[in-house]
C-alpha atoms as a PDB file:
ATOM      1  CA  MET A   1      23.922  28.508 -26.547  1.00  0.00           C
ATOM      2  CA  LYS A   2      23.181  32.137 -26.049  1.00  0.00           C
ATOM      3  CA  LYS A   3      20.991  32.127 -29.167  1.00  0.00           C
ATOM      4  CA  TYR A   4      17.862  33.617 -26.934  1.00  0.00           C
ATOM      5  CA  THR A   5      19.383  36.780 -25.937  1.00  0.00           C
ATOM      6  CA  LEU A   6      20.338  37.718 -29.665  1.00  0.00           C
ATOM      7  CA  ILE A   7      17.009  38.080 -30.771  1.00  0.00           C
ATOM      8  CA  LEU A   8      16.351  41.182 -28.546  1.00  0.00           C
ATOM      9  CA  LEU A   9      19.779  42.477 -29.081  1.00  0.00           C
ATOM     10  CA  ALA A  10      19.095  42.428 -32.847  1.00  0.00           C
ATOM     11  CA  LEU A  11      16.143  44.287 -31.966  1.00  0.00           C
ATOM     12  CA  SER A  12      17.876  47.062 -30.224  1.00  0.00           C
ATOM     13  CA  LEU A  13      20.493  47.321 -32.841  1.00  0.00           C
ATOM     14  CA  THR A  14      17.998  47.598 -35.709  1.00  0.00           C
ATOM     15  CA  CYS A  15      16.098  50.732 -34.030  1.00  0.00           C
ATOM     16  CA  LEU A  16      19.328  52.662 -33.929  1.00  0.00           C
ATOM     17  CA  SER A  17      18.582  53.036 -37.767  1.00  0.00           C
ATOM     18  CA  CYS A  18      14.943  54.328 -37.171  1.00  0.00           C
ATOM     19  CA  GLU A  19      14.430  58.273 -37.212  1.00  0.00           C
ATOM     20  CA  GLU A  20      10.736  57.988 -35.518  1.00  0.00           C
ATOM     21  CA  ILE A  21      11.083  57.601 -31.567  1.00  0.00           C
ATOM     22  CA  ILE A  22       8.935  54.707 -30.763  1.00  0.00           C
ATOM     23  CA  ASP A  23       8.050  53.658 -27.385  1.00  0.00           C
ATOM     24  CA  VAL A  24       8.089  50.028 -26.914  1.00  0.00           C
ATOM     25  CA  ASP A  25       6.619  48.309 -23.693  1.00  0.00           C
ATOM     26  CA  LEU A  26       9.024  45.205 -23.161  1.00  0.00           C
ATOM     27  CA  GLN A  27       7.277  43.391 -20.665  1.00  0.00           C
ATOM     28  CA  ASP A  28       9.347  40.797 -17.979  1.00  0.00           C
ATOM     29  CA  ALA A  29       8.892  37.402 -19.521  1.00  0.00           C
ATOM     30  CA  SER A  30       8.844  34.142 -17.386  1.00  0.00           C
ATOM     31  CA  PRO A  31      12.021  32.293 -17.523  1.00  0.00           C
ATOM     32  CA  VAL A  32      11.649  29.232 -19.802  1.00  0.00           C
ATOM     33  CA  LEU A  33      13.971  25.985 -19.084  1.00  0.00           C
ATOM     34  CA  VAL A  34      16.673  25.749 -21.837  1.00  0.00           C
ATOM     35  CA  ALA A  35      18.275  22.334 -22.483  1.00  0.00           C
ATOM     36  CA  GLU A  36      21.438  21.523 -24.589  1.00  0.00           C
ATOM     37  CA  GLY A  37      22.063  17.926 -24.501  1.00  0.00           C
ATOM     38  CA  SER A  38      24.150  15.308 -26.619  1.00  0.00           C
ATOM     39  CA  ILE A  39      25.478  11.982 -26.676  1.00  0.00           C
ATOM     40  CA  MET A  40      27.871  11.349 -29.160  1.00  0.00           C
ATOM     41  CA  LEU A  41      29.370   8.153 -30.880  1.00  0.00           C
ATOM     42  CA  ASN A  42      31.226   5.804 -28.371  1.00  0.00           C
ATOM     43  CA  GLY A  43      30.700   8.727 -25.655  1.00  0.00           C
ATOM     44  CA  THR A  44      28.082   9.028 -22.688  1.00  0.00           C
ATOM     45  CA  CYS A  45      25.285  11.848 -22.130  1.00  0.00           C
ATOM     46  CA  ASN A  46      26.018  15.364 -21.533  1.00  0.00           C
ATOM     47  CA  ILE A  47      23.180  18.134 -20.760  1.00  0.00           C
ATOM     48  CA  ARG A  48      23.199  21.483 -19.504  1.00  0.00           C
ATOM     49  CA  LEU A  49      20.064  23.030 -18.053  1.00  0.00           C
ATOM     50  CA  SER A  50      19.492  26.731 -17.496  1.00  0.00           C
ATOM     51  CA  TYR A  51      16.788  29.412 -17.706  1.00  0.00           C
ATOM     52  CA  THR A  52      16.189  32.234 -20.008  1.00  0.00           C
ATOM     53  CA  SER A  53      16.368  35.745 -18.288  1.00  0.00           C
ATOM     54  CA  ASP A  54      14.784  39.124 -18.873  1.00  0.00           C
ATOM     55  CA  TYR A  55      16.676  41.504 -21.507  1.00  0.00           C
ATOM     56  CA  PHE A  56      17.309  43.950 -19.198  1.00  0.00           C
ATOM     57  CA  ASP A  57      18.403  41.869 -16.354  1.00  0.00           C
ATOM     58  CA  SER A  58      22.059  42.031 -16.115  1.00  0.00           C
ATOM     59  CA  ALA A  59      22.657  39.020 -14.062  1.00  0.00           C
ATOM     60  CA  THR A  60      24.073  35.446 -15.287  1.00  0.00           C
ATOM     61  CA  PRO A  61      21.237  33.270 -16.216  1.00  0.00           C
ATOM     62  CA  LEU A  62      19.937  30.901 -13.393  1.00  0.00           C
ATOM     63  CA  VAL A  63      21.109  27.386 -14.003  1.00  0.00           C
ATOM     64  CA  GLU A  64      18.659  24.307 -13.096  1.00  0.00           C
ATOM     65  CA  GLU A  65      20.625  22.254 -10.109  1.00  0.00           C
ATOM     66  CA  ASN A  66      17.858  20.135  -9.059  1.00  0.00           C
ATOM     67  CA  ALA A  67      16.354  18.312 -12.034  1.00  0.00           C
ATOM     68  CA  THR A  68      16.200  14.432 -12.014  1.00  0.00           C
ATOM     69  CA  ILE A  69      17.506  13.349 -15.765  1.00  0.00           C
ATOM     70  CA  SER A  70      17.344   9.925 -17.104  1.00  0.00           C
ATOM     71  CA  ILE A  71      18.387   8.774 -20.656  1.00  0.00           C
ATOM     72  CA  SER A  72      17.193   5.068 -21.865  1.00  0.00           C
ATOM     73  CA  ASP A  73      18.340   3.358 -25.238  1.00  0.00           C
ATOM     74  CA  SER A  74      16.398   1.369 -27.470  1.00  0.00           C
ATOM     75  CA  GLU A  75      17.890  -1.862 -25.711  1.00  0.00           C
ATOM     76  CA  ASP A  76      15.718  -0.841 -22.266  1.00  0.00           C
ATOM     77  CA  ARG A  77      18.742   0.110 -20.575  1.00  0.00           C
ATOM     78  CA  SER A  78      18.629   3.185 -18.448  1.00  0.00           C
ATOM     79  CA  GLU A  79      20.310   5.606 -16.249  1.00  0.00           C
ATOM     80  CA  ILE A  80      20.264   8.542 -14.187  1.00  0.00           C
ATOM     81  CA  LEU A  81      22.490  11.618 -14.916  1.00  0.00           C
ATOM     82  CA  GLU A  82      24.745  12.724 -11.814  1.00  0.00           C
ATOM     83  CA  TYR A  83      24.989  16.446 -11.275  1.00  0.00           C
ATOM     84  CA  THR A  84      28.290  18.172 -11.413  1.00  0.00           C
ATOM     85  CA  ALA A  85      28.370  21.975 -11.522  1.00  0.00           C
ATOM     86  CA  ASP A  86      26.794  24.761 -13.319  1.00  0.00           C
ATOM     87  CA  GLY A  87      23.647  23.251 -14.626  1.00  0.00           C
ATOM     88  CA  ASN A  88      25.693  20.334 -16.008  1.00  0.00           C
ATOM     89  CA  TYR A  89      24.671  16.669 -15.747  1.00  0.00           C
ATOM     90  CA  LYS A  90      26.807  13.754 -16.990  1.00  0.00           C
ATOM     91  CA  GLY A  91      26.154  10.225 -17.691  1.00  0.00           C
ATOM     92  CA  SER A  92      28.565   7.391 -17.172  1.00  0.00           C
ATOM     93  CA  ILE A  93      27.117   3.952 -18.165  1.00  0.00           C
ATOM     94  CA  ILE A  94      25.143   4.389 -21.818  1.00  0.00           C
ATOM     95  CA  THR A  95      27.087   5.033 -24.583  1.00  0.00           C
ATOM     96  CA  GLY A  96      26.247   6.025 -28.258  1.00  0.00           C
ATOM     97  CA  LEU A  97      25.791   3.224 -30.601  1.00  0.00           C
ATOM     98  CA  PRO A  98      24.730   3.260 -34.286  1.00  0.00           C
ATOM     99  CA  GLY A  99      21.252   2.324 -35.005  1.00  0.00           C
ATOM    100  CA  HIS A 100      20.083   2.939 -31.256  1.00  0.00           C
ATOM    101  CA  THR A 101      17.228   5.505 -29.951  1.00  0.00           C
ATOM    102  CA  TYR A 102      17.600   7.489 -26.826  1.00  0.00           C
ATOM    103  CA  THR A 103      15.070   8.846 -24.935  1.00  0.00           C
ATOM    104  CA  LEU A 104      15.898  11.758 -22.465  1.00  0.00           C
ATOM    105  CA  THR A 105      13.795  12.757 -19.736  1.00  0.00           C
ATOM    106  CA  ILE A 106      13.955  15.704 -17.676  1.00  0.00           C
ATOM    107  CA  ASN A 107      12.119  16.309 -14.420  1.00  0.00           C
ATOM    108  CA  THR A 108      12.007  19.507 -12.434  1.00  0.00           C
ATOM    109  CA  ALA A 109       9.767  20.832  -9.706  1.00  0.00           C
ATOM    110  CA  SER A 110       6.998  21.968 -11.681  1.00  0.00           C
ATOM    111  CA  ARG A 111       6.931  19.581 -14.611  1.00  0.00           C
ATOM    112  CA  GLU A 112       8.397  16.701 -17.198  1.00  0.00           C
ATOM    113  CA  TYR A 113       9.921  17.014 -20.756  1.00  0.00           C
ATOM    114  CA  THR A 114      11.150  14.353 -22.859  1.00  0.00           C
ATOM    115  CA  THR A 115      12.427  13.800 -26.374  1.00  0.00           C
ATOM    116  CA  SER A 116      14.238  11.056 -28.209  1.00  0.00           C
ATOM    117  CA  SER A 117      17.222  11.074 -30.787  1.00  0.00           C
ATOM    118  CA  ARG A 118      18.577   8.557 -32.925  1.00  0.00           C
ATOM    119  CA  MET A 119      22.159   7.891 -33.735  1.00  0.00           C
ATOM    120  CA  TYR A 120      23.291   7.330 -37.336  1.00  0.00           C
ATOM    121  CA  SER A 121      26.694   5.600 -38.332  1.00  0.00           C
ATOM    122  CA  LYS A 122      29.762   7.688 -38.400  1.00  0.00           C
ATOM    123  CA  PRO A 123      29.655   9.718 -41.252  1.00  0.00           C
ATOM    124  CA  GLU A 124      32.975  10.052 -43.588  1.00  0.00           C
ATOM    125  CA  LEU A 125      34.361  13.254 -44.514  1.00  0.00           C
ATOM    126  CA  LEU A 126      36.737  12.465 -47.491  1.00  0.00           C
ATOM    127  CA  GLN A 127      39.301  15.390 -47.988  1.00  0.00           C
ATOM    128  CA  LEU A 128      38.978  19.314 -47.668  1.00  0.00           C
ATOM    129  CA  ASP A 129      39.715  21.948 -50.144  1.00  0.00           C
ATOM    130  CA  TYR A 130      39.380  25.644 -50.646  1.00  0.00           C
ATOM    131  CA  GLU A 131      38.356  27.719 -53.280  1.00  0.00           C
ATOM    132  CA  MET A 132      39.178  31.505 -53.685  1.00  0.00           C
ATOM    133  CA  LEU A 133      36.211  33.602 -53.990  1.00  0.00           C
ATOM    134  CA  ASP A 134      35.963  36.463 -56.753  1.00  0.00           C
ATOM    135  CA  ILE A 135      34.230  39.374 -54.988  1.00  0.00           C
ATOM    136  CA  PRO A 136      35.344  42.458 -55.923  1.00  0.00           C
ATOM    137  CA  HIS A 137      34.841  46.126 -54.186  1.00  0.00           C
ATOM    138  CA  TYR A 138      33.456  44.394 -51.034  1.00  0.00           C
ATOM    139  CA  TYR A 139      36.592  42.839 -49.132  1.00  0.00           C
ATOM    140  CA  THR A 140      40.325  44.328 -49.195  1.00  0.00           C
ATOM    141  CA  ASP A 141      41.476  40.883 -48.342  1.00  0.00           C
ATOM    142  CA  THR A 142      41.215  37.695 -50.739  1.00  0.00           C
ATOM    143  CA  ILE A 143      38.382  35.441 -49.208  1.00  0.00           C
ATOM    144  CA  TYR A 144      38.007  31.836 -49.322  1.00  0.00           C
ATOM    145  CA  THR A 145      35.453  29.033 -48.985  1.00  0.00           C
ATOM    146  CA  ILE A 146      35.897  25.499 -47.513  1.00  0.00           C
ATOM    147  CA  LYS A 147      34.891  22.662 -49.771  1.00  0.00           C
ATOM    148  CA  SER A 148      34.046  19.416 -47.789  1.00  0.00           C
ATOM    149  CA  ALA A 149      33.771  16.006 -49.897  1.00  0.00           C
ATOM    150  CA  ILE A 150      31.764  13.929 -47.970  1.00  0.00           C
ATOM    151  CA  VAL A 151      30.482  10.084 -48.508  1.00  0.00           C
ATOM    152  CA  ASP A 152      26.778   9.489 -49.098  1.00  0.00           C
ATOM    153  CA  ASP A 153      24.543   6.811 -48.747  1.00  0.00           C
ATOM    154  CA  LEU A 154      22.458   6.514 -51.866  1.00  0.00           C
ATOM    155  CA  PHE A 155      19.869   4.506 -50.422  1.00  0.00           C
ATOM    156  CA  GLU A 156      18.826   6.212 -47.353  1.00  0.00           C
ATOM    157  CA  GLU A 157      17.802   9.976 -46.595  1.00  0.00           C
ATOM    158  CA  ASN A 158      20.697  11.576 -44.679  1.00  0.00           C
ATOM    159  CA  TYR A 159      21.060  14.873 -42.538  1.00  0.00           C
ATOM    160  CA  TYR A 160      23.952  16.490 -41.667  1.00  0.00           C
ATOM    161  CA  MET A 161      25.592  19.414 -39.669  1.00  0.00           C
ATOM    162  CA  PHE A 162      28.773  20.975 -40.478  1.00  0.00           C
ATOM    163  CA  ARG A 163      30.832  23.013 -37.710  1.00  0.00           C
ATOM    164  CA  TYR A 164      33.843  25.260 -38.435  1.00  0.00           C
ATOM    165  CA  HIS A 165      36.822  26.133 -36.663  1.00  0.00           C
ATOM    166  CA  ARG A 166      38.939  28.964 -37.598  1.00  0.00           C
ATOM    167  CA  ASN A 167      42.544  28.962 -36.119  1.00  0.00           C
ATOM    168  CA  GLY A 168      41.400  27.024 -32.981  1.00  0.00           C
ATOM    169  CA  GLU A 169      38.018  29.013 -32.053  1.00  0.00           C
ATOM    170  CA  MET A 170      34.617  27.660 -32.943  1.00  0.00           C
ATOM    171  CA  LEU A 171      32.440  29.856 -35.204  1.00  0.00           C
ATOM    172  CA  ASN A 172      29.160  29.269 -32.905  1.00  0.00           C
ATOM    173  CA  ASP A 173      27.090  31.715 -34.434  1.00  0.00           C
ATOM    174  CA  PHE A 174      26.288  29.538 -37.556  1.00  0.00           C
ATOM    175  CA  TYR A 175      25.241  26.124 -37.976  1.00  0.00           C
ATOM    176  CA  SER A 176      25.308  24.563 -41.461  1.00  0.00           C
ATOM    177  CA  THR A 177      23.004  21.988 -42.391  1.00  0.00           C
ATOM    178  CA  TYR A 178      22.342  19.963 -45.254  1.00  0.00           C
ATOM    179  CA  SER A 179      20.315  17.149 -46.387  1.00  0.00           C
ATOM    180  CA  ASP A 180      20.421  14.801 -49.308  1.00  0.00           C
ATOM    181  CA  ARG A 181      16.784  14.516 -49.961  1.00  0.00           C
ATOM    182  CA  LEU A 182      17.184  16.147 -53.543  1.00  0.00           C
ATOM    183  CA  ILE A 183      20.711  14.815 -54.548  1.00  0.00           C
ATOM    184  CA  ALA A 184      21.683  10.895 -55.109  1.00  0.00           C
ATOM    185  CA  HIS A 185      25.436  10.795 -55.531  1.00  0.00           C
ATOM    186  CA  ASP A 186      27.508   8.602 -53.595  1.00  0.00           C
ATOM    187  CA  THR A 187      29.995  11.694 -53.044  1.00  0.00           C
ATOM    188  CA  ILE A 188      28.933  15.142 -52.189  1.00  0.00           C
ATOM    189  CA  VAL A 189      31.225  18.388 -52.159  1.00  0.00           C
ATOM    190  CA  TYR A 190      29.595  20.676 -49.929  1.00  0.00           C
ATOM    191  CA  SER A 191      30.481  24.333 -49.777  1.00  0.00           C
ATOM    192  CA  GLU A 192      29.380  26.848 -47.204  1.00  0.00           C
ATOM    193  CA  TYR A 193      29.704  30.336 -48.727  1.00  0.00           C
ATOM    194  CA  SER A 194      28.224  32.468 -45.805  1.00  0.00           C
ATOM    195  CA  LEU A 195      31.578  31.987 -44.105  1.00  0.00           C
ATOM    196  CA  ALA A 196      34.723  33.816 -45.143  1.00  0.00           C
ATOM    197  CA  PHE A 197      38.095  32.235 -44.580  1.00  0.00           C
ATOM    198  CA  TYR A 198      41.438  33.977 -45.245  1.00  0.00           C
ATOM    199  CA  HIS A 199      44.902  33.291 -46.502  1.00  0.00           C
ATOM    200  CA  GLY A 200      46.916  31.859 -43.455  1.00  0.00           C
ATOM    201  CA  ASP A 201      43.469  30.671 -41.490  1.00  0.00           C
ATOM    202  CA  THR A 202      44.057  26.985 -39.925  1.00  0.00           C
ATOM    203  CA  VAL A 203      40.301  25.570 -40.700  1.00  0.00           C
ATOM    204  CA  ARG A 204      38.933  22.601 -38.976  1.00  0.00           C
ATOM    205  CA  VAL A 205      35.499  21.099 -40.217  1.00  0.00           C
ATOM    206  CA  GLU A 206      33.295  18.617 -38.183  1.00  0.00           C
ATOM    207  CA  LEU A 207      30.778  16.615 -39.882  1.00  0.00           C
ATOM    208  CA  PHE A 208      28.003  15.377 -37.969  1.00  0.00           C
ATOM    209  CA  SER A 209      25.526  12.691 -38.631  1.00  0.00           C
ATOM    210  CA  ILE A 210      22.163  13.573 -37.394  1.00  0.00           C
ATOM    211  CA  ASP A 211      18.547  12.792 -37.061  1.00  0.00           C
ATOM    212  CA  GLN A 212      15.448  14.798 -38.782  1.00  0.00           C
ATOM    213  CA  GLY A 213      14.792  16.092 -35.682  1.00  0.00           C
ATOM    214  CA  VAL A 214      17.836  17.699 -34.949  1.00  0.00           C
ATOM    215  CA  TYR A 215      18.192  18.900 -38.371  1.00  0.00           C
ATOM    216  CA  ASN A 216      15.172  20.625 -38.400  1.00  0.00           C
ATOM    217  CA  TYR A 217      15.915  22.193 -35.057  1.00  0.00           C
ATOM    218  CA  PHE A 218      19.457  23.755 -36.269  1.00  0.00           C
ATOM    219  CA  ASN A 219      17.742  24.896 -39.505  1.00  0.00           C
ATOM    220  CA  LEU A 220      15.448  27.112 -37.377  1.00  0.00           C
ATOM    221  CA  VAL A 221      18.325  28.269 -35.493  1.00  0.00           C
ATOM    222  CA  ASN A 222      19.604  29.529 -38.669  1.00  0.00           C
ATOM    223  CA  ASP A 223      16.349  31.313 -39.578  1.00  0.00           C
ATOM    224  CA  VAL A 224      16.278  32.933 -36.251  1.00  0.00           C
ATOM    225  CA  LEU A 225      19.864  34.340 -36.862  1.00  0.00           C
ATOM    226  CA  PHE A 226      19.496  35.293 -40.489  1.00  0.00           C
ATOM    227  CA  SER A 227      16.031  37.034 -39.301  1.00  0.00           C
ATOM    228  CA  ALA A 228      17.933  39.008 -36.747  1.00  0.00           C
ATOM    229  CA  MET A 229      20.617  40.245 -39.269  1.00  0.00           C
ATOM    230  CA  ASN A 230      17.793  41.115 -41.854  1.00  0.00           C
ATOM    231  CA  SER A 231      15.535  43.085 -39.465  1.00  0.00           C
ATOM    232  CA  SER A 232      12.560  40.418 -39.822  1.00  0.00           C
ATOM    233  CA  THR A 233      10.497  39.555 -37.147  1.00  0.00           C
ATOM    234  CA  PRO A 234      12.636  37.184 -34.661  1.00  0.00           C
ATOM    235  CA  PHE A 235      11.324  34.077 -32.860  1.00  0.00           C
ATOM    236  CA  ASN A 236      12.733  31.448 -30.647  1.00  0.00           C
ATOM    237  CA  PRO A 237      13.363  28.123 -32.624  1.00  0.00           C
ATOM    238  CA  ALA A 238      11.059  25.122 -31.666  1.00  0.00           C
ATOM    239  CA  SER A 239      12.799  22.452 -29.336  1.00  0.00           C
ATOM    240  CA  ASN A 240      12.915  19.045 -30.297  1.00  0.00           C
ATOM    241  CA  PHE A 241      11.645  18.271 -26.819  1.00  0.00           C
ATOM    242  CA  SER A 242       8.067  18.401 -25.761  1.00  0.00           C
ATOM    243  CA  PRO A 243       6.506  21.834 -25.237  1.00  0.00           C
ATOM    244  CA  ASN A 244       7.507  24.503 -22.902  1.00  0.00           C
ATOM    245  CA  ILE A 245      10.828  24.108 -23.024  1.00  0.00           C
ATOM    246  CA  LEU A 246      13.848  25.550 -25.562  1.00  0.00           C
ATOM    247  CA  GLY A 247      16.788  24.014 -26.621  1.00  0.00           C
ATOM    248  CA  TYR A 248      17.698  20.660 -28.070  1.00  0.00           C
ATOM    249  CA  PHE A 249      18.783  16.801 -27.595  1.00  0.00           C
ATOM    250  CA  MET A 250      20.768  15.114 -30.208  1.00  0.00           C
ATOM    251  CA  ALA A 251      22.362  11.785 -30.673  1.00  0.00           C
ATOM    252  CA  ALA A 252      25.457  12.202 -33.336  1.00  0.00           C
ATOM    253  CA  SER A 253      28.407  10.811 -34.660  1.00  0.00           C
ATOM    254  CA  ARG A 254      31.209  12.828 -36.024  1.00  0.00           C
ATOM    255  CA  ASP A 255      34.129  13.066 -38.211  1.00  0.00           C
ATOM    256  CA  SER A 256      36.581  15.882 -38.791  1.00  0.00           C
ATOM    257  CA  GLN A 257      39.683  17.058 -40.900  1.00  0.00           C
ATOM    258  CA  THR A 258      42.084  20.249 -40.751  1.00  0.00           C
ATOM    259  CA  ILE A 259      43.311  22.501 -43.833  1.00  0.00           C
ATOM    260  CA  ILE A 260      45.408  25.387 -44.007  1.00  0.00           C
ATOM    261  CA  ILE A 261      44.832  28.091 -46.519  1.00  0.00           C
ATOM    262  CA  ASP A 262      47.975  28.737 -48.094  1.00  0.00           C
END
């Protein structure tokens, strides 16, 4: 996910504009386990385990190759994930089903970590549209925002995450989250004005239905990114795992559509 190195990097870039020279004692930090895991609708569980590294360490971050990882569902089925390579573990039996809660347990040589996530029904992305933004003096090219129309359940609190791809590449430095807590409509049109798209771009939008814990985590990730850009005090986003681990595990369902800005 590479969000953790961003924090110290932002600090170093900020200091380039300072006139006063400040000596900062950056002590080595002990490695912390980072988990990035998911189980998608009708898919099996996948998770990667790595460790944070010191800012001045140019070596590739270490991965955890010897963990025992199990996943269980709300019907008391369970399995042990198989290690493949490069810190990746994969399930083969339990698949993602709406209405099920999945519990993930990670055991390393030093401790145990656990979390759970509930899977909701597949969201419905009705259509995509784009809108030209009138922002004079700031851009030489015309910029557009993407408008996503989604079906929303009036009788249930829902949490969503949007992921954007431009011309085949995922924009992985931003996680667009949305909750319908304050809006009661059967159809919602969502626009993300923090992203800029241009004439000729092919844009694919993925819409994820997620639970509140995952929603809270990615909201915090966005706070980290914006605090770094605004020179605020940076911090690591709290995991939806038990303490002393970074990252997330999410059970999610997904829909997607593609549009060309012409």
